[in-house]
Amino acid sequence: MEPGETLEATVIREAREETGVAITDVRYMASQPWPFPSSIMLGFRARAVTTEIRRDDHELEECRWFSRAELAEMYAKNPMPVVSIAQWLINQWRNEK
């Protein structure tokens, strides 16, 4: 976060800087403890306005889109327990009708 920046504005800026994807409709979903001092993991959902990915090599090792069908196929082959907020967020989206 930058001084004076809201959580939602931070999510929008970080998504753009790290992936090149523009997002909107950012909303907080949940949090979990983070194993670093004075830190917490925050989970948000947002709507992508653009879909072209321009990954920042210094921030992300990989970045790509998945469809619900692709995720269902992956989970059918290798069910994963929910042990992180990231997994929980993916499951929330994947299980929507």
Protein backbone atom coordinates (compact mmCIF):
# COMPACT_ATOMS: atom_id res chain seq x y z
CA MET A 1 0.00 0.00 0.00
CA GLU A 2 1.07 3.52 -0.74
CA PRO A 3 0.42 6.31 1.79
CA GLY A 4 -3.17 7.54 1.46
CA GLU A 5 -4.19 4.59 -0.74
CA THR A 6 -7.30 2.52 0.00
CA LEU A 7 -7.17 -1.27 -0.02
CA GLU A 8 -9.30 -1.32 -3.17
CA ALA A 9 -7.05 1.17 -4.95
CA THR A 10 -4.04 -0.92 -3.95
CA VAL A 11 -5.58 -4.05 -5.49
CA ILE A 12 -6.33 -2.17 -8.74
CA ARG A 13 -2.81 -0.73 -8.92
CA GLU A 14 -1.03 -3.99 -8.04
CA ALA A 15 -3.07 -6.00 -10.56
CA ARG A 16 -2.18 -3.51 -13.30
CA GLU A 17 1.52 -3.33 -12.33
CA GLU A 18 2.06 -7.09 -11.95
CA THR A 19 -0.19 -8.50 -14.70
CA GLY A 20 -1.13 -5.61 -16.99
CA VAL A 21 -4.81 -6.48 -16.38
CA ALA A 22 -7.17 -3.62 -15.57
CA ILE A 23 -9.79 -4.48 -12.94
CA THR A 24 -12.83 -2.86 -11.37
CA ASP A 25 -15.55 -3.72 -8.83
CA VAL A 26 -12.98 -4.71 -6.19
CA ARG A 27 -14.50 -6.17 -3.05
CA TYR A 28 -13.00 -7.61 0.11
CA MET A 29 -13.77 -11.31 0.73
CA ALA A 30 -11.71 -12.61 3.68
CA SER A 31 -8.36 -12.61 5.47
CA GLN A 32 -5.93 -15.05 7.02
CA PRO A 33 -2.83 -14.75 9.19
CA TRP A 34 0.46 -14.43 7.34
CA PRO A 35 3.68 -15.89 8.75
CA PHE A 36 5.62 -12.62 8.67
CA PRO A 37 5.67 -10.08 11.51
CA SER A 38 2.90 -7.48 11.39
CA SER A 39 1.43 -8.98 8.20
CA ILE A 40 -1.92 -10.39 7.10
CA MET A 41 -3.13 -11.90 3.83
CA LEU A 42 -6.22 -10.15 2.43
CA GLY A 43 -8.42 -11.73 -0.24
CA PHE A 44 -10.36 -9.70 -2.79
CA ARG A 45 -12.47 -10.35 -5.86
CA ALA A 46 -12.67 -8.04 -8.85
CA ARG A 47 -13.93 -7.90 -12.41
CA ALA A 48 -11.37 -7.83 -15.21
CA VAL A 49 -11.85 -4.98 -17.67
CA THR A 50 -8.99 -6.17 -19.89
CA THR A 51 -7.74 -9.71 -20.39
CA GLU A 52 -4.34 -9.39 -22.05
CA ILE A 53 -1.64 -10.40 -19.58
CA ARG A 54 1.69 -8.60 -19.44
CA ARG A 55 3.38 -10.31 -16.50
CA ASP A 56 6.03 -8.51 -14.46
CA ASP A 57 8.91 -11.03 -14.40
CA HIS A 58 10.22 -9.54 -11.15
CA GLU A 59 6.93 -10.06 -9.30
CA LEU A 60 5.27 -13.16 -10.74
CA GLU A 61 6.63 -16.48 -11.91
CA GLU A 62 3.50 -17.31 -13.89
CA CYS A 63 0.17 -15.67 -14.64
CA ARG A 64 -2.68 -17.02 -16.77
CA TRP A 65 -6.45 -17.34 -17.04
CA PHE A 66 -8.40 -20.52 -16.23
CA SER A 67 -12.00 -21.35 -17.08
CA ARG A 68 -14.28 -23.06 -14.57
CA ALA A 69 -14.19 -26.15 -16.79
CA GLU A 70 -10.38 -26.23 -16.73
CA LEU A 71 -10.36 -25.90 -12.95
CA ALA A 72 -13.01 -28.63 -12.58
CA GLU A 73 -10.83 -30.95 -14.67
CA MET A 74 -7.73 -30.15 -12.60
CA TYR A 75 -9.59 -30.68 -9.31
CA ALA A 76 -11.10 -33.96 -10.53
CA LYS A 77 -7.58 -35.27 -11.16
CA ASN A 78 -6.07 -33.83 -7.99
CA PRO A 79 -8.50 -32.66 -5.29
CA MET A 80 -6.91 -29.97 -3.16
CA PRO A 81 -7.82 -29.19 0.44
CA VAL A 82 -8.51 -25.60 1.33
CA VAL A 83 -5.41 -24.53 3.27
CA SER A 84 -5.07 -20.95 2.08
CA ILE A 85 -7.19 -17.95 1.32
CA ALA A 86 -6.08 -18.23 -2.32
CA GLN A 87 -7.52 -21.75 -2.56
CA TRP A 88 -10.71 -20.61 -0.83
CA LEU A 89 -11.13 -17.70 -3.29
CA ILE A 90 -10.61 -20.00 -6.28
CA ASN A 91 -13.17 -22.47 -4.91
CA GLN A 92 -15.70 -19.70 -4.31
CA TRP A 93 -15.46 -18.65 -7.96
CA ARG A 94 -15.20 -22.19 -9.34
CA ASN A 95 -18.36 -23.35 -7.54
CA GLU A 96 -20.58 -20.46 -8.67
CA LYS A 97 -23.42 -21.33 -10.99
